[in-house]
Amino acid sequence: MQNQNPMIADLVKLANSAAGTFAGMTREARESARERLKEAMGGMDFVSREEFDTVKLMAQKAREENEALKSRLEELEAKLAGK
């Protein structure tokens, strides 16, 4: 077996420690950025897709009812004008 040079072993340990520290710092920075983004977006008024689709259907139904009422009103106005 080869004997390791203590200086090289210490450098390897130092490099491993630095890599671990760097990985930890990267992970912490990523989590911090994610948390800041959540906080920033939390103050905005976003709706879920389900809520959006529900309101869209309500608007479509209201438009259809509006068109039906408009047609009915035009018919009634035509009858009144014909008298």
N, C-alpha and C. Protein backbone atom coordinates (compact mmCIF):
# COMPACT_ATOMS: atom_id res chain seq x y z
N MET A 1 0.82 -1.18 0.00
CA MET A 1 0.00 0.00 0.00
C MET A 1 0.86 1.24 0.00
N GLN A 2 0.31 2.25 -0.63
CA GLN A 2 1.03 3.51 -0.66
C GLN A 2 0.67 4.32 0.56
N ASN A 3 1.64 4.96 1.13
CA ASN A 3 1.37 5.89 2.22
C ASN A 3 1.01 7.23 1.62
N GLN A 4 -0.05 7.85 2.18
CA GLN A 4 -0.45 9.15 1.68
C GLN A 4 0.36 10.24 2.35
N ASN A 5 0.64 11.23 1.59
CA ASN A 5 1.33 12.39 2.11
C ASN A 5 0.31 13.15 2.98
N PRO A 6 0.65 13.46 4.24
CA PRO A 6 -0.29 14.14 5.13
C PRO A 6 -0.73 15.50 4.58
N MET A 7 0.15 16.15 3.85
CA MET A 7 -0.20 17.45 3.30
C MET A 7 -1.28 17.30 2.23
N ILE A 8 -1.14 16.27 1.38
CA ILE A 8 -2.14 16.02 0.34
C ILE A 8 -3.46 15.62 0.98
N ALA A 9 -3.41 14.79 2.01
CA ALA A 9 -4.63 14.37 2.70
C ALA A 9 -5.33 15.58 3.30
N ASP A 10 -4.57 16.49 3.87
CA ASP A 10 -5.17 17.71 4.44
C ASP A 10 -5.80 18.58 3.35
N LEU A 11 -5.13 18.66 2.19
CA LEU A 11 -5.67 19.44 1.08
C LEU A 11 -6.97 18.82 0.56
N VAL A 12 -7.01 17.48 0.51
CA VAL A 12 -8.23 16.79 0.07
C VAL A 12 -9.36 17.05 1.05
N LYS A 13 -9.06 16.97 2.34
CA LYS A 13 -10.07 17.26 3.36
C LYS A 13 -10.57 18.69 3.25
N LEU A 14 -9.66 19.61 3.02
CA LEU A 14 -10.02 21.02 2.87
C LEU A 14 -10.90 21.23 1.64
N ALA A 15 -10.54 20.58 0.55
CA ALA A 15 -11.33 20.69 -0.68
C ALA A 15 -12.72 20.11 -0.48
N ASN A 16 -12.82 18.97 0.19
CA ASN A 16 -14.12 18.36 0.46
C ASN A 16 -14.97 19.26 1.36
N SER A 17 -14.35 19.83 2.36
CA SER A 17 -15.07 20.73 3.25
C SER A 17 -15.55 21.96 2.50
N ALA A 18 -14.70 22.51 1.65
CA ALA A 18 -15.08 23.69 0.86
C ALA A 18 -16.22 23.35 -0.08
N ALA A 19 -16.18 22.18 -0.70
CA ALA A 19 -17.25 21.77 -1.60
C ALA A 19 -18.56 21.61 -0.84
N GLY A 20 -18.50 21.02 0.35
CA GLY A 20 -19.70 20.87 1.18
C GLY A 20 -20.26 22.21 1.60
N THR A 21 -19.37 23.11 1.98
CA THR A 21 -19.80 24.45 2.38
C THR A 21 -20.43 25.18 1.21
N PHE A 22 -19.81 25.08 0.04
CA PHE A 22 -20.35 25.73 -1.15
C PHE A 22 -21.72 25.17 -1.51
N ALA A 23 -21.88 23.86 -1.42
CA ALA A 23 -23.17 23.22 -1.71
C ALA A 23 -24.23 23.71 -0.73
N GLY A 24 -23.85 23.82 0.54
CA GLY A 24 -24.78 24.32 1.55
C GLY A 24 -25.17 25.77 1.30
N MET A 25 -24.20 26.58 0.91
CA MET A 25 -24.49 27.98 0.62
C MET A 25 -25.42 28.09 -0.59
N THR A 26 -25.18 27.26 -1.60
CA THR A 26 -26.02 27.27 -2.79
C THR A 26 -27.45 26.88 -2.44
N ARG A 27 -27.59 25.84 -1.64
CA ARG A 27 -28.91 25.38 -1.23
C ARG A 27 -29.63 26.45 -0.42
N GLU A 28 -28.92 27.08 0.49
CA GLU A 28 -29.50 28.14 1.32
C GLU A 28 -29.91 29.34 0.48
N ALA A 29 -29.09 29.71 -0.49
CA ALA A 29 -29.42 30.84 -1.37
C ALA A 29 -30.66 30.52 -2.20
N ARG A 30 -30.75 29.30 -2.69
CA ARG A 30 -31.90 28.89 -3.50
C ARG A 30 -33.18 28.93 -2.66
N GLU A 31 -33.11 28.40 -1.43
CA GLU A 31 -34.28 28.41 -0.55
C GLU A 31 -34.68 29.83 -0.18
N SER A 32 -33.71 30.68 0.05
CA SER A 32 -33.99 32.07 0.38
C SER A 32 -34.66 32.78 -0.79
N ALA A 33 -34.16 32.56 -1.99
CA ALA A 33 -34.75 33.18 -3.18
C ALA A 33 -36.17 32.67 -3.39
N ARG A 34 -36.38 31.39 -3.19
CA ARG A 34 -37.72 30.80 -3.34
C ARG A 34 -38.68 31.42 -2.33
N GLU A 35 -38.23 31.60 -1.10
CA GLU A 35 -39.07 32.19 -0.05
C GLU A 35 -39.41 33.64 -0.38
N ARG A 36 -38.43 34.39 -0.87
CA ARG A 36 -38.69 35.79 -1.25
C ARG A 36 -39.69 35.87 -2.39
N LEU A 37 -39.58 34.97 -3.35
CA LEU A 37 -40.52 34.95 -4.47
C LEU A 37 -41.93 34.62 -3.99
N LYS A 38 -42.04 33.66 -3.08
CA LYS A 38 -43.36 33.32 -2.52
C LYS A 38 -43.97 34.52 -1.81
N GLU A 39 -43.16 35.24 -1.03
CA GLU A 39 -43.65 36.42 -0.32
C GLU A 39 -44.09 37.50 -1.30
N ALA A 40 -43.31 37.71 -2.35
CA ALA A 40 -43.64 38.74 -3.34
C ALA A 40 -44.92 38.38 -4.09
N MET A 41 -45.06 37.13 -4.45
CA MET A 41 -46.25 36.71 -5.18
C MET A 41 -47.46 36.59 -4.27
N GLY A 42 -47.23 36.39 -2.99
CA GLY A 42 -48.34 36.26 -2.05
C GLY A 42 -49.17 37.53 -1.95
N GLY A 43 -48.55 38.67 -2.18
CA GLY A 43 -49.26 39.94 -2.11
C GLY A 43 -50.05 40.24 -3.37
N MET A 44 -49.83 39.48 -4.43
CA MET A 44 -50.54 39.71 -5.68
C MET A 44 -51.85 38.94 -5.67
N ASP A 45 -52.79 39.41 -6.45
CA ASP A 45 -54.11 38.79 -6.49
C ASP A 45 -54.22 37.82 -7.67
N PHE A 46 -53.65 36.65 -7.52
CA PHE A 46 -53.76 35.62 -8.54
C PHE A 46 -54.94 34.73 -8.21
N VAL A 47 -55.56 34.18 -9.23
CA VAL A 47 -56.66 33.25 -9.02
C VAL A 47 -56.26 31.89 -9.56
N SER A 48 -56.91 30.87 -9.04
CA SER A 48 -56.62 29.52 -9.53
C SER A 48 -57.30 29.33 -10.89
N ARG A 49 -56.86 28.33 -11.59
CA ARG A 49 -57.44 28.03 -12.91
C ARG A 49 -58.92 27.69 -12.76
N GLU A 50 -59.25 26.98 -11.70
CA GLU A 50 -60.65 26.60 -11.45
C GLU A 50 -61.53 27.84 -11.26
N GLU A 51 -61.04 28.80 -10.47
CA GLU A 51 -61.79 30.04 -10.25
C GLU A 51 -61.94 30.81 -11.56
N PHE A 52 -60.88 30.86 -12.36
CA PHE A 52 -60.93 31.56 -13.64
C PHE A 52 -61.97 30.94 -14.56
N ASP A 53 -61.95 29.60 -14.66
CA ASP A 53 -62.90 28.91 -15.53
C ASP A 53 -64.34 29.14 -15.07
N THR A 54 -64.56 29.15 -13.75
CA THR A 54 -65.90 29.39 -13.21
C THR A 54 -66.40 30.77 -13.59
N VAL A 55 -65.57 31.77 -13.42
CA VAL A 55 -65.97 33.15 -13.76
C VAL A 55 -66.16 33.29 -15.27
N LYS A 56 -65.35 32.60 -16.05
CA LYS A 56 -65.48 32.64 -17.50
C LYS A 56 -66.83 32.08 -17.93
N LEU A 57 -67.24 30.96 -17.33
CA LEU A 57 -68.55 30.38 -17.63
C LEU A 57 -69.68 31.31 -17.21
N MET A 58 -69.51 31.97 -16.05
CA MET A 58 -70.53 32.92 -15.60
C MET A 58 -70.66 34.07 -16.59
N ALA A 59 -69.55 34.58 -17.08
CA ALA A 59 -69.58 35.69 -18.04
C ALA A 59 -70.23 35.25 -19.35
N GLN A 60 -69.93 34.04 -19.79
CA GLN A 60 -70.52 33.53 -21.02
C GLN A 60 -72.04 33.40 -20.87
N LYS A 61 -72.48 32.88 -19.74
CA LYS A 61 -73.92 32.74 -19.48
C LYS A 61 -74.58 34.12 -19.43
N ALA A 62 -73.93 35.09 -18.81
CA ALA A 62 -74.48 36.45 -18.73
C ALA A 62 -74.59 37.07 -20.11
N ARG A 63 -73.60 36.84 -20.97
CA ARG A 63 -73.66 37.35 -22.35
C ARG A 63 -74.83 36.74 -23.11
N GLU A 64 -75.01 35.43 -22.95
CA GLU A 64 -76.11 34.74 -23.63
C GLU A 64 -77.47 35.27 -23.14
N GLU A 65 -77.60 35.46 -21.83
CA GLU A 65 -78.84 36.01 -21.28
C GLU A 65 -79.06 37.44 -21.78
N ASN A 66 -77.98 38.20 -21.87
CA ASN A 66 -78.07 39.57 -22.36
C ASN A 66 -78.56 39.61 -23.81
N GLU A 67 -78.02 38.72 -24.63
CA GLU A 67 -78.45 38.63 -26.03
C GLU A 67 -79.92 38.24 -26.12
N ALA A 68 -80.35 37.28 -25.29
CA ALA A 68 -81.76 36.85 -25.30
C ALA A 68 -82.66 38.00 -24.88
N LEU A 69 -82.28 38.72 -23.85
CA LEU A 69 -83.07 39.87 -23.39
C LEU A 69 -83.10 40.98 -24.43
N LYS A 70 -82.00 41.18 -25.11
CA LYS A 70 -81.93 42.20 -26.16
C LYS A 70 -82.90 41.85 -27.29
N SER A 71 -82.90 40.58 -27.70
CA SER A 71 -83.82 40.14 -28.76
C SER A 71 -85.27 40.32 -28.31
N ARG A 72 -85.56 39.94 -27.08
CA ARG A 72 -86.92 40.07 -26.54
C ARG A 72 -87.35 41.54 -26.50
N LEU A 73 -86.44 42.40 -26.08
CA LEU A 73 -86.74 43.83 -26.01
C LEU A 73 -87.01 44.40 -27.41
N GLU A 74 -86.20 43.98 -28.38
CA GLU A 74 -86.41 44.44 -29.74
C GLU A 74 -87.77 44.00 -30.28
N GLU A 75 -88.18 42.76 -29.94
CA GLU A 75 -89.50 42.27 -30.37
C GLU A 75 -90.61 43.10 -29.72
N LEU A 76 -90.48 43.36 -28.43
CA LEU A 76 -91.50 44.15 -27.75
C LEU A 76 -91.57 45.58 -28.29
N GLU A 77 -90.42 46.16 -28.56
CA GLU A 77 -90.40 47.52 -29.14
C GLU A 77 -91.04 47.53 -30.52
N ALA A 78 -90.79 46.47 -31.30
CA ALA A 78 -91.38 46.38 -32.64
C ALA A 78 -92.91 46.27 -32.53
N LYS A 79 -93.42 45.49 -31.55
CA LYS A 79 -94.87 45.38 -31.36
C LYS A 79 -95.47 46.70 -30.96
N LEU A 80 -94.78 47.42 -30.04
CA LEU A 80 -95.30 48.72 -29.60
C LEU A 80 -95.28 49.74 -30.75
N ALA A 81 -94.30 49.68 -31.59
CA ALA A 81 -94.20 50.62 -32.70
C ALA A 81 -95.25 50.32 -33.75
N GLY A 82 -95.67 49.05 -33.86
CA GLY A 82 -96.65 48.64 -34.85
C GLY A 82 -98.07 48.98 -34.48
N LYS A 83 -98.35 49.29 -33.23
CA LYS A 83 -99.72 49.57 -32.79
C LYS A 83 -100.17 50.91 -33.23
